Amino acid sequence: MGIDDKAANKADELTGKAKEGLGRATDNERLESEGRADQSKSDIKQAAEKVKDAFKR
């Protein structure tokens, strides 16, 4: 996994956490669920990158 990919995935994850937290604080269910979706998307990308790295070895 390249450093750029790791940084982008981590940024997506942090953005998702921020959205989820802001959604909870403002009682905005749409923003909260959007944040959870962003985190899930980031987790899937990270898993895919790990699989790619495993096959490169």
N, C-alpha and C. Protein backbone atom coordinates (compact mmCIF):
# COMPACT_ATOMS: atom_id res chain seq x y z
N MET A 1 0.86 -1.16 0.00
CA MET A 1 0.00 0.00 0.00
C MET A 1 0.90 1.22 0.00
N GLY A 2 0.66 2.12 -0.93
CA GLY A 2 1.47 3.32 -1.01
C GLY A 2 1.14 4.30 0.10
N ILE A 3 2.08 5.15 0.37
CA ILE A 3 1.88 6.15 1.42
C ILE A 3 0.73 7.08 1.06
N ASP A 4 0.62 7.41 -0.21
CA ASP A 4 -0.48 8.29 -0.65
C ASP A 4 -1.83 7.64 -0.38
N ASP A 5 -1.93 6.35 -0.68
CA ASP A 5 -3.18 5.63 -0.45
C ASP A 5 -3.53 5.57 1.04
N LYS A 6 -2.52 5.29 1.85
CA LYS A 6 -2.74 5.23 3.29
C LYS A 6 -3.23 6.57 3.82
N ALA A 7 -2.61 7.65 3.36
CA ALA A 7 -2.99 8.99 3.83
C ALA A 7 -4.41 9.33 3.38
N ALA A 8 -4.74 9.01 2.15
CA ALA A 8 -6.08 9.30 1.64
C ALA A 8 -7.14 8.50 2.38
N ASN A 9 -6.86 7.23 2.63
CA ASN A 9 -7.81 6.39 3.36
C ASN A 9 -7.99 6.88 4.80
N LYS A 10 -6.90 7.28 5.42
CA LYS A 10 -6.97 7.78 6.79
C LYS A 10 -7.75 9.10 6.83
N ALA A 11 -7.55 9.93 5.83
CA ALA A 11 -8.29 11.20 5.75
C ALA A 11 -9.79 10.93 5.61
N ASP A 12 -10.14 9.95 4.77
CA ASP A 12 -11.55 9.58 4.60
C ASP A 12 -12.13 9.09 5.92
N GLU A 13 -11.36 8.28 6.64
CA GLU A 13 -11.82 7.75 7.92
C GLU A 13 -12.05 8.87 8.93
N LEU A 14 -11.10 9.79 9.01
CA LEU A 14 -11.23 10.90 9.96
C LEU A 14 -12.38 11.83 9.59
N THR A 15 -12.58 12.04 8.30
CA THR A 15 -13.71 12.85 7.85
C THR A 15 -15.02 12.19 8.26
N GLY A 16 -15.09 10.88 8.10
CA GLY A 16 -16.28 10.13 8.50
C GLY A 16 -16.55 10.23 9.99
N LYS A 17 -15.49 10.13 10.78
CA LYS A 17 -15.65 10.24 12.23
C LYS A 17 -16.13 11.64 12.63
N ALA A 18 -15.59 12.64 11.95
CA ALA A 18 -16.00 14.01 12.25
C ALA A 18 -17.47 14.23 11.89
N LYS A 19 -17.87 13.73 10.72
CA LYS A 19 -19.28 13.86 10.31
C LYS A 19 -20.20 13.15 11.28
N GLU A 20 -19.80 11.94 11.68
CA GLU A 20 -20.63 11.18 12.61
C GLU A 20 -20.76 11.92 13.94
N GLY A 21 -19.66 12.42 14.45
CA GLY A 21 -19.68 13.15 15.71
C GLY A 21 -20.50 14.43 15.63
N LEU A 22 -20.37 15.14 14.53
CA LEU A 22 -21.14 16.37 14.34
C LEU A 22 -22.62 16.06 14.21
N GLY A 23 -22.92 14.96 13.51
CA GLY A 23 -24.31 14.54 13.37
C GLY A 23 -24.94 14.19 14.71
N ARG A 24 -24.18 13.53 15.56
CA ARG A 24 -24.68 13.20 16.90
C ARG A 24 -24.89 14.46 17.73
N ALA A 25 -23.92 15.37 17.64
CA ALA A 25 -23.99 16.59 18.45
C ALA A 25 -25.17 17.48 18.04
N THR A 26 -25.48 17.48 16.75
CA THR A 26 -26.57 18.34 16.26
C THR A 26 -27.86 17.58 16.07
N ASP A 27 -27.87 16.30 16.44
CA ASP A 27 -29.04 15.43 16.27
C ASP A 27 -29.48 15.36 14.81
N ASN A 28 -28.48 15.28 13.92
CA ASN A 28 -28.72 15.19 12.48
C ASN A 28 -28.43 13.75 12.05
N GLU A 29 -29.47 12.96 11.91
CA GLU A 29 -29.30 11.53 11.59
C GLU A 29 -28.68 11.31 10.22
N ARG A 30 -29.00 12.17 9.27
CA ARG A 30 -28.45 12.01 7.91
C ARG A 30 -26.93 12.21 7.92
N LEU A 31 -26.47 13.23 8.61
CA LEU A 31 -25.04 13.49 8.69
C LEU A 31 -24.32 12.38 9.45
N GLU A 32 -24.95 11.89 10.50
CA GLU A 32 -24.38 10.80 11.28
C GLU A 32 -24.23 9.54 10.43
N SER A 33 -25.26 9.20 9.68
CA SER A 33 -25.18 7.98 8.85
C SER A 33 -24.21 8.18 7.69
N GLU A 34 -24.12 9.39 7.18
CA GLU A 34 -23.16 9.67 6.11
C GLU A 34 -21.73 9.49 6.63
N GLY A 35 -21.49 9.90 7.86
CA GLY A 35 -20.17 9.71 8.48
C GLY A 35 -19.84 8.24 8.65
N ARG A 36 -20.81 7.44 9.09
CA ARG A 36 -20.58 6.00 9.23
C ARG A 36 -20.30 5.37 7.86
N ALA A 37 -21.00 5.83 6.83
CA ALA A 37 -20.79 5.30 5.48
C ALA A 37 -19.38 5.65 5.00
N ASP A 38 -18.92 6.86 5.26
CA ASP A 38 -17.57 7.25 4.87
C ASP A 38 -16.52 6.38 5.56
N GLN A 39 -16.74 6.09 6.84
CA GLN A 39 -15.81 5.23 7.57
C GLN A 39 -15.81 3.82 7.00
N SER A 40 -16.97 3.31 6.66
CA SER A 40 -17.05 1.96 6.09
C SER A 40 -16.33 1.91 4.75
N LYS A 41 -16.52 2.93 3.94
CA LYS A 41 -15.87 2.99 2.64
C LYS A 41 -14.35 3.00 2.81
N SER A 42 -13.88 3.74 3.79
CA SER A 42 -12.45 3.80 4.07
C SER A 42 -11.93 2.43 4.52
N ASP A 43 -12.68 1.76 5.37
CA ASP A 43 -12.28 0.43 5.85
C ASP A 43 -12.17 -0.56 4.69
N ILE A 44 -13.11 -0.49 3.76
CA ILE A 44 -13.08 -1.39 2.60
C ILE A 44 -11.87 -1.11 1.73
N LYS A 45 -11.57 0.16 1.52
CA LYS A 45 -10.40 0.53 0.72
C LYS A 45 -9.12 0.03 1.37
N GLN A 46 -9.03 0.19 2.70
CA GLN A 46 -7.84 -0.26 3.41
C GLN A 46 -7.69 -1.78 3.31
N ALA A 47 -8.78 -2.50 3.42
CA ALA A 47 -8.73 -3.96 3.31
C ALA A 47 -8.28 -4.38 1.92
N ALA A 48 -8.79 -3.70 0.90
CA ALA A 48 -8.41 -4.03 -0.48
C ALA A 48 -6.92 -3.77 -0.69
N GLU A 49 -6.41 -2.69 -0.15
CA GLU A 49 -4.99 -2.39 -0.28
C GLU A 49 -4.14 -3.45 0.43
N LYS A 50 -4.59 -3.93 1.56
CA LYS A 50 -3.85 -4.97 2.29
C LYS A 50 -3.82 -6.27 1.49
N VAL A 51 -4.92 -6.58 0.83
CA VAL A 51 -4.96 -7.79 -0.01
C VAL A 51 -3.98 -7.65 -1.16
N LYS A 52 -3.95 -6.48 -1.78
CA LYS A 52 -3.01 -6.24 -2.88
C LYS A 52 -1.58 -6.40 -2.40
N ASP A 53 -1.29 -5.86 -1.22
CA ASP A 53 0.07 -5.96 -0.67
C ASP A 53 0.44 -7.41 -0.39
N ALA A 54 -0.51 -8.19 0.07
CA ALA A 54 -0.26 -9.60 0.39
C ALA A 54 0.13 -10.38 -0.88
N PHE A 55 -0.49 -10.04 -2.01
CA PHE A 55 -0.18 -10.75 -3.24
C PHE A 55 1.10 -10.25 -3.90
N LYS A 56 1.56 -9.08 -3.54
CA LYS A 56 2.80 -8.57 -4.10
C LYS A 56 4.01 -9.29 -3.53
N ARG A 57 3.85 -9.86 -2.34
CA ARG A 57 4.98 -10.53 -1.69
C ARG A 57 5.18 -11.84 -2.30
